[in-house]
Amino acid sequence: MKHIYSFNDYSKDINIITEHLKGLYRDIHIVALYRGGLPLGVALSNRTNSPLSILNYQRYNGESNEVEFIKNSDIVSSQLLIVVDDLIDEGITMTKSIEFLQKNFPNNPIEIYTIFGKKQLQFSVKNTYLREHPSRWVHFEPWE
């Protein structure tokens, strides 16, 4: 059984996250996790007029690749890095991505924003999610 996430849900959630970001720093940089984070990253980058970078970390059959930039829009020291993804399931991709950013940009504060997350997952940076992960497949109508 799938959990349906509609375009109306997406529109509302984009507005909520945009309002959160407006209250933060002026100098933010959106970092979208490839693939699921791309729609959210592009929308937030456009709405906040912020640069967008894209990180890739894919796991296949339990094996993982290194975290790497697909697109790096010249992250400036001290910019607040807003890492976005559609959902956090096990937290492995997000953890590896945060570790990569902390290693390569030690002077940059980092925050996570996702649509779906889990209370029990802990990260070394602030984690904001809008909806509790339903523990079943999420079908994103806006882009699936």
Protein backbone atom coordinates (compact mmCIF):
# COMPACT_ATOMS: atom_id res chain seq x y z
CA MET A 1 0.00 0.00 0.00
CA LYS A 2 1.37 3.40 -1.01
CA HIS A 3 1.10 6.70 0.79
CA ILE A 4 -0.01 9.30 -1.78
CA TYR A 5 1.65 12.70 -1.51
CA SER A 6 -0.28 15.12 -3.72
CA PHE A 7 0.71 18.27 -5.58
CA ASN A 8 -1.44 20.28 -3.13
CA ASP A 9 0.55 18.80 -0.23
CA TYR A 10 3.78 19.69 -2.03
CA SER A 11 2.66 23.29 -2.66
CA LYS A 12 1.74 23.78 0.99
CA ASP A 13 4.99 22.23 2.21
CA ILE A 14 7.14 24.35 -0.13
CA ASN A 15 5.43 27.46 1.29
CA ILE A 16 6.08 26.33 4.87
CA ILE A 17 9.78 25.61 4.27
CA THR A 18 10.22 28.87 2.33
CA GLU A 19 8.81 30.81 5.29
CA HIS A 20 11.18 28.98 7.66
CA LEU A 21 14.15 29.88 5.47
CA LYS A 22 13.17 33.54 5.19
CA GLY A 23 13.49 33.81 8.96
CA LEU A 24 17.03 32.39 9.01
CA TYR A 25 20.10 33.89 7.43
CA ARG A 26 20.29 36.06 4.36
CA ASP A 27 23.25 34.10 3.04
CA ILE A 28 21.96 30.55 2.50
CA HIS A 29 23.04 27.91 0.02
CA ILE A 30 20.67 25.08 -0.91
CA VAL A 31 22.25 21.62 -1.20
CA ALA A 32 19.86 19.11 -2.79
CA LEU A 33 20.45 15.39 -2.48
CA TYR A 34 20.24 13.69 -5.85
CA ARG A 35 17.42 12.43 -6.89
CA GLY A 36 14.59 12.93 -4.42
CA GLY A 37 15.86 16.28 -3.20
CA LEU A 38 16.07 17.88 -6.65
CA PRO A 39 12.47 19.14 -6.99
CA LEU A 40 12.54 20.55 -3.45
CA GLY A 41 16.01 22.04 -3.95
CA VAL A 42 15.12 23.78 -7.20
CA ALA A 43 11.89 25.19 -5.76
CA LEU A 44 13.61 26.52 -2.62
CA SER A 45 16.55 27.92 -4.56
CA ASN A 46 14.18 29.82 -6.85
CA ARG A 47 11.95 31.08 -4.03
CA THR A 48 14.82 32.25 -1.83
CA ASN A 49 17.04 33.41 -4.70
CA SER A 50 19.83 31.22 -3.29
CA PRO A 51 22.52 29.21 -5.07
CA LEU A 52 21.91 25.48 -5.53
CA SER A 53 24.41 22.64 -5.35
CA ILE A 54 23.64 18.95 -5.85
CA LEU A 55 25.20 16.07 -3.91
CA ASN A 56 25.10 12.44 -5.01
CA TYR A 57 25.24 9.39 -2.75
CA GLN A 58 23.59 6.29 -4.13
CA ARG A 59 23.43 2.85 -2.54
CA TYR A 60 22.87 -0.27 -4.59
CA ASN A 61 22.34 -3.68 -2.97
CA GLY A 62 23.80 -2.45 0.29
CA GLU A 63 26.96 -1.15 -1.38
CA SER A 64 27.64 2.53 -1.40
CA ASN A 65 29.45 5.06 -3.50
CA GLU A 66 31.33 8.05 -2.21
CA VAL A 67 29.51 11.31 -1.70
CA GLU A 68 30.29 13.65 -4.59
CA PHE A 69 29.11 16.89 -6.08
CA ILE A 70 27.15 16.65 -9.30
CA LYS A 71 26.92 20.43 -9.30
CA ASN A 72 28.82 22.74 -6.96
CA SER A 73 27.74 26.37 -7.14
CA ASP A 74 30.80 27.64 -5.27
CA ILE A 75 29.86 27.33 -1.63
CA VAL A 76 31.22 30.30 0.26
CA SER A 77 32.66 29.95 3.76
CA SER A 78 30.10 30.80 6.46
CA GLN A 79 27.06 30.35 4.20
CA LEU A 80 24.30 28.39 5.92
CA LEU A 81 24.01 25.11 4.02
CA ILE A 82 20.41 23.94 3.79
CA VAL A 83 20.48 20.24 2.90
CA VAL A 84 17.18 19.12 1.38
CA ASP A 85 15.68 15.78 0.43
CA ASP A 86 12.19 14.45 -0.08
CA LEU A 87 12.39 11.98 2.80
CA ILE A 88 14.69 10.39 5.32
CA ASP A 89 14.15 6.67 5.66
CA GLU A 90 17.10 4.96 7.37
CA GLY A 91 19.19 8.13 7.54
CA ILE A 92 22.31 6.67 5.92
CA THR A 93 22.34 8.93 2.86
CA MET A 94 21.75 12.03 4.97
CA THR A 95 24.40 11.05 7.53
CA LYS A 96 27.03 10.45 4.83
CA SER A 97 26.11 13.71 3.10
CA ILE A 98 26.36 15.74 6.31
CA GLU A 99 29.73 14.15 7.12
CA PHE A 100 30.98 15.07 3.64
CA LEU A 101 29.84 18.68 3.99
CA GLN A 102 31.28 19.06 7.50
CA LYS A 103 34.63 17.72 6.33
CA ASN A 104 34.79 19.92 3.23
CA PHE A 105 33.13 23.06 4.63
CA PRO A 106 34.00 23.13 8.35
CA ASN A 107 33.13 26.86 8.69
CA ASN A 108 29.62 26.48 7.35
CA PRO A 109 26.62 25.87 9.60
CA ILE A 110 24.35 23.12 8.24
CA GLU A 111 20.65 22.40 8.64
CA ILE A 112 18.45 19.66 7.18
CA TYR A 113 14.98 20.21 5.72
CA THR A 114 12.90 17.31 4.42
CA ILE A 115 9.26 16.65 3.72
CA PHE A 116 9.15 13.27 5.50
CA GLY A 117 11.30 12.25 8.46
CA LYS A 118 11.40 10.10 11.58
CA LYS A 119 11.52 11.25 15.21
CA GLN A 120 13.92 8.52 16.24
CA LEU A 121 16.66 9.56 13.79
CA GLN A 122 19.32 11.83 15.25
CA PHE A 123 21.80 13.90 13.28
CA SER A 124 24.71 16.11 14.26
CA VAL A 125 22.89 19.16 12.86
CA LYS A 126 19.40 20.64 13.17
CA ASN A 127 16.86 18.46 11.36
CA THR A 128 13.47 19.86 10.37
CA TYR A 129 10.87 17.72 8.65
CA LEU A 130 7.22 18.48 8.03
CA ARG A 131 5.58 15.05 8.10
CA GLU A 132 6.23 11.80 9.94
CA HIS A 133 7.42 9.10 7.52
CA PRO A 134 4.46 6.73 7.02
CA SER A 135 6.72 3.61 7.03
CA ARG A 136 5.49 2.56 3.60
CA TRP A 137 6.27 3.59 0.05
CA VAL A 138 5.56 7.29 -0.56
CA HIS A 139 4.24 8.05 -4.02
CA PHE A 140 5.09 11.67 -4.87
CA GLU A 141 2.39 12.66 -7.36
CA PRO A 142 4.11 15.90 -8.31
CA TRP A 143 7.07 14.11 -9.89
CA GLU A 144 6.47 10.35 -10.09
